[in-house]
Amino acid sequence: MLQIKSIADERGYYGKYGGAWIPEMLRPNIKALEAVYLDILNDAGFQKEYMELLADYTGRPTPLYFAKRLSEKYQANIWLKREDLNHTGAHKINNTIGQVLMAEKLGKKRIIAETGAGQHGVATATVCALRGLECVVHMGALDVERQAPNVARMEMLGAKVIPAKSGNQTLKDATNEALRDWINNPSDTFYIIGSVVGPHPYPEIVAHLQSVISAEIRKQFLEKEGKTDPDYIIACVGGGSNAAGAFYHFIDSDVKLVGVEAAGKGLHTQEHAATINFGREGVLHGAKSLLIQDDDGQVIEPYSVSAGLDYPGIGPLHAWLHDSGRAQFVGASDEEAMEAAMELTRLEGIIPALESAHAFAALKKIDFKPDEHVVINLSGRGDKDMSTYLKYL
């Protein structure tokens, strides 16, 4: 059973970040979800079905793997939480299974989602196929091109993929289109948000559903090392769902939490997606958080070689973790992420997703002690990024 606890306050705020900043037409849907989401998550029947699907359908628990050669190079004990071994290839399915079950309890038959790298879209389409639900995925037109294998998977699963052609045609724009879709179809549609962003209660829902990652880490680390807490948890951060899941059960501990943002072509340039480093308070997609914006409050288009990290904001939970000093956030450039991906591939025989590769780039940015234990959340596998890797090679 998942341990369900609320990190946000009753209004959905983490400190000064969060809330539900939404159009009036969406308020009934959000209020209806807010009224029941904790009851659903804590319901014994829901938990039983959710955990059974995670075990029998997705293959959980995912291994906590000791990376011997990586450990030797960095003179520390490096462990990998293998979310890449989930069905569909990433952590995203932890969330989509839970939210589809919630949608069914609310009587919704049409599911919509946004996606950047395509992993959330694939996970949504997969569970909709499993449950016989209509599925529509909004995806930036640029991402449709650079993540073609995932687009093919979604369409094979029966989903309708709609390219978003506004803005820079990436994740932000896909989210805009998904919200418009929901405004136009409020009665029969459930919006499965893929990260810890959006209006309350979505950041809480996604964090709860992804918390299975940290729950497993604690249990597995206890079995392997005789204690529940490693010294570090490291995860990449775009909107922040895999990091939220990996951090969740360690927030009230002494474990050092490290989030790695996409520094793109460098923090000295304008082409990055490093919200923590350069963001200011603002409202985007229904929540108050840190955003990359200009002096007039207009969102600046982000950039990353990774389609899943080029989001101009960050989940309110992570903004709060940063402001409170509970978590450290560093940037990894495209080049650093590519080098880290090649290193992991050649030392451990594991090809990571480009998003996950950013987390491994942190190994060169932190001085570890030989007796310290470092868990890196390997949030996805690199099949979808092979064309990008081949260009780099």
Protein backbone atom coordinates (compact mmCIF):
# COMPACT_ATOMS: atom_id res chain seq x y z
CA MET A 1 0.00 0.00 0.00
CA LEU A 2 1.20 3.52 -0.80
CA GLN A 3 1.64 5.86 2.12
CA ILE A 4 -0.52 8.87 1.24
CA LYS A 5 0.35 12.17 2.88
CA SER A 6 -0.30 15.74 1.82
CA ILE A 7 2.78 17.89 1.32
CA ALA A 8 0.81 20.92 0.14
CA ASP A 9 -1.58 22.82 2.40
CA GLU A 10 -5.37 22.64 2.04
CA ARG A 11 -5.30 25.23 -0.79
CA GLY A 12 -2.65 23.36 -2.71
CA TYR A 13 0.29 25.58 -1.82
CA TYR A 14 3.87 24.56 -1.10
CA GLY A 15 4.95 27.66 0.76
CA LYS A 16 4.04 30.47 -1.62
CA TYR A 17 3.86 28.26 -4.73
CA GLY A 18 0.96 26.25 -6.15
CA GLY A 19 -2.78 26.87 -6.00
CA ALA A 20 -5.36 26.60 -8.77
CA TRP A 21 -5.21 29.57 -11.14
CA ILE A 22 -7.77 28.40 -13.67
CA PRO A 23 -10.46 29.64 -16.08
CA GLU A 24 -14.00 29.65 -14.69
CA MET A 25 -15.06 26.90 -17.11
CA LEU A 26 -12.59 24.47 -15.53
CA ARG A 27 -13.42 25.30 -11.94
CA PRO A 28 -16.21 22.67 -11.61
CA ASN A 29 -13.88 19.92 -12.86
CA ILE A 30 -11.02 20.98 -10.60
CA LYS A 31 -13.28 21.38 -7.57
CA ALA A 32 -14.86 17.98 -8.18
CA LEU A 33 -11.41 16.36 -8.40
CA GLU A 34 -10.14 18.24 -5.35
CA ALA A 35 -13.10 17.01 -3.30
CA VAL A 36 -12.44 13.31 -3.95
CA TYR A 37 -8.80 12.74 -4.92
CA LEU A 38 -7.54 11.88 -1.43
CA ASP A 39 -10.51 9.60 -0.80
CA ILE A 40 -9.81 7.79 -4.07
CA LEU A 41 -6.07 7.48 -3.43
CA ASN A 42 -6.70 6.11 0.06
CA ASP A 43 -9.49 3.76 -0.99
CA ALA A 44 -8.49 0.14 -0.35
CA GLY A 45 -10.00 -1.04 -3.65
CA PHE A 46 -8.17 1.62 -5.63
CA GLN A 47 -4.87 0.85 -3.91
CA LYS A 48 -5.27 -2.88 -4.50
CA GLU A 49 -5.98 -2.49 -8.22
CA TYR A 50 -3.26 0.14 -8.63
CA MET A 51 -0.57 -1.92 -6.92
CA GLU A 52 -1.59 -5.09 -8.78
CA LEU A 53 -1.28 -3.31 -12.14
CA LEU A 54 2.10 -1.86 -11.15
CA ALA A 55 3.30 -5.35 -10.27
CA ASP A 56 1.72 -7.51 -12.98
CA TYR A 57 1.43 -5.04 -15.87
CA THR A 58 4.37 -2.66 -15.55
CA GLY A 59 6.83 -4.98 -13.80
CA ARG A 60 7.36 -3.23 -10.46
CA PRO A 61 9.31 -3.13 -8.27
CA THR A 62 12.06 -1.83 -10.54
CA PRO A 63 15.56 -2.89 -9.45
CA LEU A 64 17.96 -0.81 -7.36
CA TYR A 65 21.16 -1.65 -9.20
CA PHE A 66 24.72 -1.14 -7.89
CA ALA A 67 26.74 0.38 -10.74
CA LYS A 68 30.17 -1.11 -10.02
CA ARG A 69 32.22 0.48 -12.80
CA LEU A 70 30.58 3.89 -12.38
CA SER A 71 31.27 3.64 -8.64
CA GLU A 72 34.92 2.88 -9.27
CA LYS A 73 35.30 5.90 -11.51
CA TYR A 74 33.66 8.37 -9.13
CA GLN A 75 34.97 6.81 -5.92
CA ALA A 76 31.55 6.50 -4.30
CA ASN A 77 28.78 3.91 -4.12
CA ILE A 78 26.55 4.66 -7.12
CA TRP A 79 23.13 3.02 -7.30
CA LEU A 80 20.64 3.25 -10.18
CA LYS A 81 16.89 3.14 -9.65
CA ARG A 82 15.93 1.37 -12.87
CA GLU A 83 12.70 3.13 -13.92
CA ASP A 84 13.84 2.51 -17.50
CA LEU A 85 12.79 -1.12 -17.00
CA ASN A 86 9.13 -0.24 -16.54
CA HIS A 87 6.68 -1.25 -19.27
CA THR A 88 6.74 1.62 -21.83
CA GLY A 89 10.31 2.49 -20.81
CA ALA A 90 9.96 5.19 -18.15
CA HIS A 91 8.47 6.24 -14.82
CA LYS A 92 5.50 7.89 -16.54
CA ILE A 93 3.28 4.81 -16.41
CA ASN A 94 3.24 4.93 -12.57
CA ASN A 95 1.17 8.09 -12.92
CA THR A 96 -1.00 7.21 -15.91
CA ILE A 97 -2.26 3.97 -14.39
CA GLY A 98 -3.35 5.81 -11.26
CA GLN A 99 -4.97 8.71 -13.08
CA VAL A 100 -6.85 6.44 -15.51
CA LEU A 101 -8.28 4.55 -12.53
CA MET A 102 -9.31 7.91 -11.03
CA ALA A 103 -10.92 8.95 -14.32
CA GLU A 104 -12.95 5.75 -14.37
CA LYS A 105 -14.18 6.38 -10.82
CA LEU A 106 -15.30 9.83 -11.97
CA GLY A 107 -17.14 8.38 -14.98
CA LYS A 108 -14.89 9.93 -17.64
CA LYS A 109 -14.56 8.09 -20.94
CA ARG A 110 -12.31 10.45 -22.91
CA ILE A 111 -8.69 10.96 -21.83
CA ILE A 112 -6.40 13.77 -22.96
CA ALA A 113 -2.73 14.33 -22.21
CA GLU A 114 0.21 16.52 -23.13
CA THR A 115 3.66 15.13 -23.88
CA GLY A 116 7.15 16.36 -24.69
CA ALA A 117 9.54 13.44 -25.05
CA GLY A 118 6.54 11.24 -25.75
CA GLN A 119 6.94 8.92 -22.77
CA HIS A 120 3.91 10.33 -20.94
CA GLY A 121 1.92 10.16 -24.17
CA VAL A 122 2.92 6.55 -24.73
CA ALA A 123 2.12 5.66 -21.13
CA THR A 124 -1.29 7.35 -21.38
CA ALA A 125 -2.10 5.66 -24.70
CA THR A 126 -1.00 2.32 -23.26
CA VAL A 127 -3.30 2.44 -20.26
CA CYS A 128 -6.19 3.79 -22.36
CA ALA A 129 -5.77 0.80 -24.69
CA LEU A 130 -5.75 -1.48 -21.65
CA ARG A 131 -9.01 0.01 -20.34
CA GLY A 132 -10.75 0.70 -23.67
CA LEU A 133 -10.84 4.51 -23.37
CA GLU A 134 -10.61 7.19 -26.05
CA CYS A 135 -7.18 8.86 -25.98
CA VAL A 136 -6.04 12.19 -27.42
CA VAL A 137 -2.42 13.33 -26.98
CA HIS A 138 -1.27 16.90 -27.63
CA MET A 139 2.38 17.14 -28.62
CA GLY A 140 4.52 20.00 -29.93
CA ALA A 141 5.06 19.76 -33.68
CA LEU A 142 8.84 19.93 -33.20
CA ASP A 143 8.67 17.09 -30.69
CA VAL A 144 6.53 15.06 -33.10
CA GLU A 145 9.49 15.19 -35.49
CA ARG A 146 12.30 14.50 -33.03
CA GLN A 147 10.40 11.80 -31.10
CA ALA A 148 8.96 9.95 -34.11
CA PRO A 149 9.29 6.45 -32.58
CA ASN A 150 7.06 7.45 -29.67
CA VAL A 151 4.52 9.07 -31.99
CA ALA A 152 4.31 5.78 -33.91
CA ARG A 153 3.84 3.86 -30.65
CA MET A 154 0.99 6.16 -29.55
CA GLU A 155 -0.79 5.82 -32.87
CA MET A 156 -0.33 2.05 -32.88
CA LEU A 157 -1.94 2.00 -29.43
CA GLY A 158 -4.98 3.80 -30.85
CA ALA A 159 -4.31 7.34 -29.64
CA LYS A 160 -4.89 10.42 -31.74
CA VAL A 161 -1.76 12.61 -31.70
CA ILE A 162 -2.43 16.29 -32.37
CA PRO A 163 0.64 18.46 -33.16
CA ALA A 164 0.75 21.84 -31.38
CA LYS A 165 1.97 24.41 -33.91
CA SER A 166 2.06 27.53 -31.73
CA GLY A 167 5.09 29.02 -29.95
CA ASN A 168 8.25 26.95 -30.29
CA GLN A 169 6.11 23.83 -30.82
CA THR A 170 7.32 21.94 -27.75
CA LEU A 171 6.00 20.91 -24.33
CA LYS A 172 4.68 24.29 -23.16
CA ASP A 173 2.62 24.63 -26.32
CA ALA A 174 1.30 21.06 -26.07
CA THR A 175 0.14 21.85 -22.53
CA ASN A 176 -1.60 25.00 -23.75
CA GLU A 177 -3.50 22.98 -26.34
CA ALA A 178 -4.44 20.27 -23.85
CA LEU A 179 -5.90 22.89 -21.52
CA ARG A 180 -7.89 24.41 -24.40
CA ASP A 181 -9.19 20.95 -25.25
CA TRP A 182 -10.30 20.44 -21.65
CA ILE A 183 -12.03 23.83 -21.56
CA ASN A 184 -13.96 22.87 -24.70
CA ASN A 185 -14.85 19.38 -23.43
CA PRO A 186 -15.32 19.69 -19.66
CA SER A 187 -18.07 17.13 -19.11
CA ASP A 188 -16.74 13.88 -20.60
CA THR A 189 -12.98 14.47 -20.54
CA PHE A 190 -10.31 13.77 -17.93
CA TYR A 191 -6.95 15.52 -18.36
CA ILE A 192 -4.02 13.37 -17.27
CA ILE A 193 -1.22 15.82 -16.48
CA GLY A 194 2.14 14.13 -16.76
CA SER A 195 4.22 16.11 -14.30
CA VAL A 196 3.96 17.84 -10.92
CA VAL A 197 2.66 20.99 -12.61
CA GLY A 198 -0.77 22.44 -13.28
CA PRO A 199 -3.54 23.48 -10.89
CA HIS A 200 -4.06 21.86 -7.50
CA PRO A 201 -4.63 18.98 -6.92
CA TYR A 202 -2.58 17.73 -9.91
CA PRO A 203 0.91 18.32 -8.42
CA GLU A 204 -0.18 16.39 -5.32
CA ILE A 205 -1.78 13.57 -7.33
CA VAL A 206 1.26 13.06 -9.54
CA ALA A 207 3.67 13.22 -6.58
CA HIS A 208 1.59 10.64 -4.67
CA LEU A 209 1.47 8.26 -7.64
CA GLN A 210 5.18 8.61 -8.39
CA SER A 211 6.10 8.19 -4.72
CA VAL A 212 6.22 4.44 -5.33
CA ILE A 213 9.79 5.16 -6.55
CA SER A 214 11.09 6.46 -3.22
CA ALA A 215 9.07 3.90 -1.27
CA GLU A 216 10.85 1.15 -3.17
CA ILE A 217 14.26 2.81 -2.81
CA ARG A 218 13.90 2.85 0.99
CA LYS A 219 12.83 -0.80 1.13
CA GLN A 220 15.49 -1.97 -1.32
CA PHE A 221 18.29 0.03 0.27
CA LEU A 222 17.37 -1.43 3.66
CA GLU A 223 17.60 -4.92 2.19
CA LYS A 224 20.97 -4.23 0.56
CA GLU A 225 22.69 -1.97 3.09
CA GLY A 226 20.77 -2.41 6.35
CA LYS A 227 19.44 1.16 6.42
CA THR A 228 16.66 3.00 4.62
CA ASP A 229 18.46 6.21 3.66
CA PRO A 230 21.30 6.71 1.17
CA ASP A 231 23.36 9.93 1.28
CA TYR A 232 22.13 11.40 -2.01
CA ILE A 233 19.14 11.13 -4.34
CA ILE A 234 19.76 12.63 -7.78
CA ALA A 235 17.13 13.10 -10.51
CA CYS A 236 16.63 15.20 -13.63
CA VAL A 237 14.02 17.96 -13.46
CA GLY A 238 11.82 19.43 -16.17
CA GLY A 239 8.38 19.80 -14.67
CA GLY A 240 9.66 17.41 -12.05
CA SER A 241 7.61 14.21 -11.73
CA ASN A 242 10.41 11.64 -11.60
CA ALA A 243 12.31 13.83 -9.13
CA ALA A 244 9.20 14.29 -6.99
CA GLY A 245 8.71 10.53 -6.89
CA ALA A 246 12.35 9.87 -6.02
CA PHE A 247 12.46 12.62 -3.35
CA TYR A 248 9.01 12.05 -1.82
CA HIS A 249 9.77 9.75 1.13
CA PHE A 250 13.10 11.46 1.82
CA ILE A 251 11.85 15.04 2.15
CA ASP A 252 11.67 14.74 5.94
CA SER A 253 15.08 13.05 6.21
CA ASP A 254 18.73 14.12 6.06
CA VAL A 255 19.24 12.71 2.57
CA LYS A 256 20.73 15.27 0.18
CA LEU A 257 18.30 15.89 -2.69
CA VAL A 258 19.75 17.03 -6.03
CA GLY A 259 17.70 18.06 -9.06
CA VAL A 260 19.42 18.52 -12.43
CA GLU A 261 17.94 21.00 -14.90
CA ALA A 262 18.63 21.34 -18.61
CA ALA A 263 21.28 24.03 -19.13
CA GLY A 264 20.93 23.63 -22.90
CA LYS A 265 23.71 25.43 -24.74
CA GLY A 266 24.97 26.87 -21.47
CA LEU A 267 23.72 29.00 -18.60
CA HIS A 268 25.65 31.93 -20.09
CA THR A 269 23.34 31.79 -23.16
CA GLN A 270 19.63 32.39 -23.63
CA GLU A 271 19.12 28.82 -24.86
CA HIS A 272 18.40 26.72 -21.78
CA ALA A 273 15.56 25.43 -19.60
CA ALA A 274 17.12 26.15 -16.19
CA THR A 275 14.10 27.52 -14.34
CA ILE A 276 15.56 27.37 -10.84
CA ASN A 277 18.65 29.29 -11.94
CA PHE A 278 16.83 32.02 -13.86
CA GLY A 279 13.13 31.78 -12.99
CA ARG A 280 10.96 34.38 -11.28
CA GLU A 281 7.54 34.01 -9.69
CA GLY A 282 4.68 33.78 -12.12
CA VAL A 283 1.61 31.79 -13.12
CA LEU A 284 1.61 29.19 -15.91
CA HIS A 285 -0.77 26.34 -16.70
CA GLY A 286 -2.84 26.84 -13.58
CA ALA A 287 -0.22 27.16 -10.84
CA LYS A 288 2.04 29.78 -9.31
CA SER A 289 5.68 28.77 -9.48
CA LEU A 290 9.04 29.86 -10.86
CA LEU A 291 9.06 30.60 -14.60
CA ILE A 292 11.60 31.71 -17.16
CA GLN A 293 10.19 35.09 -18.21
CA ASP A 294 11.19 38.52 -19.43
CA ASP A 295 10.85 41.87 -17.63
CA ASP A 296 7.27 42.18 -18.88
CA GLY A 297 6.29 38.80 -17.43
CA GLN A 298 6.15 37.05 -20.81
CA VAL A 299 7.34 33.43 -20.82
CA ILE A 300 10.66 32.98 -22.59
CA GLU A 301 10.77 29.93 -24.83
CA PRO A 302 13.06 27.31 -23.27
CA TYR A 303 15.58 25.13 -25.06
CA SER A 304 17.08 21.69 -24.46
CA VAL A 305 18.29 18.87 -26.64
CA SER A 306 15.97 16.79 -24.45
CA ALA A 307 12.31 17.04 -25.44
CA GLY A 308 11.15 16.18 -21.91
CA LEU A 309 13.07 18.96 -20.13
CA ASP A 310 12.43 22.04 -22.30
CA TYR A 311 9.65 23.43 -20.11
CA PRO A 312 9.81 27.10 -19.02
CA GLY A 313 8.62 26.41 -15.47
CA ILE A 314 8.99 23.92 -12.67
CA GLY A 315 6.52 22.19 -10.37
CA PRO A 316 5.61 24.24 -7.28
CA LEU A 317 6.90 21.46 -5.01
CA HIS A 318 10.39 21.89 -6.47
CA ALA A 319 10.24 25.69 -6.28
CA TRP A 320 9.48 25.30 -2.57
CA LEU A 321 12.23 22.70 -2.07
CA HIS A 322 14.68 25.14 -3.64
CA ASP A 323 13.58 28.21 -1.70
CA SER A 324 13.60 26.32 1.59
CA GLY A 325 17.08 24.98 0.91
CA ARG A 326 15.85 21.39 1.20
CA ALA A 327 17.04 20.49 -2.31
CA GLN A 328 19.96 21.60 -4.46
CA PHE A 329 19.45 22.24 -8.17
CA VAL A 330 22.27 22.25 -10.72
CA GLY A 331 22.34 22.65 -14.49
CA ALA A 332 23.70 20.22 -17.08
CA SER A 333 24.29 21.35 -20.65
CA ASP A 334 23.44 19.40 -23.79
CA GLU A 335 27.10 18.49 -24.16
CA GLU A 336 27.42 17.36 -20.53
CA ALA A 337 24.28 15.24 -20.82
CA MET A 338 25.55 13.62 -24.01
CA GLU A 339 28.91 12.83 -22.42
CA ALA A 340 27.18 11.38 -19.35
CA ALA A 341 24.95 9.20 -21.55
CA MET A 342 27.95 7.82 -23.44
CA GLU A 343 29.78 7.18 -20.18
CA LEU A 344 26.87 5.24 -18.66
CA THR A 345 26.43 3.27 -21.87
CA ARG A 346 30.08 2.25 -22.08
CA LEU A 347 30.68 1.63 -18.38
CA GLU A 348 27.42 -0.12 -17.46
CA GLY A 349 25.84 -1.19 -20.76
CA ILE A 350 22.75 0.98 -20.17
CA ILE A 351 21.54 3.55 -22.71
CA PRO A 352 19.56 6.22 -20.81
CA ALA A 353 16.90 8.59 -22.03
CA LEU A 354 18.34 12.03 -22.75
CA GLU A 355 16.34 13.39 -19.84
CA SER A 356 17.89 10.88 -17.44
CA ALA A 357 21.35 11.54 -18.86
CA HIS A 358 21.20 15.02 -17.32
CA ALA A 359 21.02 13.44 -13.86
CA PHE A 360 24.21 11.49 -14.51
CA ALA A 361 26.00 14.69 -15.51
CA ALA A 362 25.77 15.71 -11.83
CA LEU A 363 28.40 13.10 -10.97
CA LYS A 364 31.08 15.49 -12.22
CA LYS A 365 29.64 18.43 -10.28
CA ILE A 366 29.61 17.01 -6.75
CA ASP A 367 32.53 15.80 -4.62
CA PHE A 368 31.44 12.52 -3.05
CA LYS A 369 33.17 10.71 -0.22
CA PRO A 370 34.20 7.08 -0.78
CA ASP A 371 31.78 5.77 1.84
CA GLU A 372 28.77 7.74 0.56
CA HIS A 373 25.83 6.09 -1.20
CA VAL A 374 24.34 7.92 -4.20
CA VAL A 375 21.06 6.88 -5.83
CA ILE A 376 20.42 8.22 -9.34
CA ASN A 377 16.90 7.90 -10.68
CA LEU A 378 17.30 6.42 -14.16
CA SER A 379 13.88 7.66 -15.22
CA GLY A 380 13.78 6.36 -18.79
CA ARG A 381 15.56 4.35 -21.47
CA GLY A 382 17.16 5.79 -24.57
CA ASP A 383 15.38 3.97 -27.41
CA LYS A 384 13.43 7.11 -28.31
CA ASP A 385 16.61 9.22 -28.49
CA MET A 386 18.74 7.04 -30.75
CA SER A 387 18.57 9.41 -33.72
CA THR A 388 19.88 12.25 -31.52
CA TYR A 389 22.62 10.05 -30.09
CA LEU A 390 23.65 8.93 -33.58
CA LYS A 391 24.04 12.54 -34.66
CA TYR A 392 26.27 13.14 -31.63
CA LEU A 393 28.42 10.11 -32.45
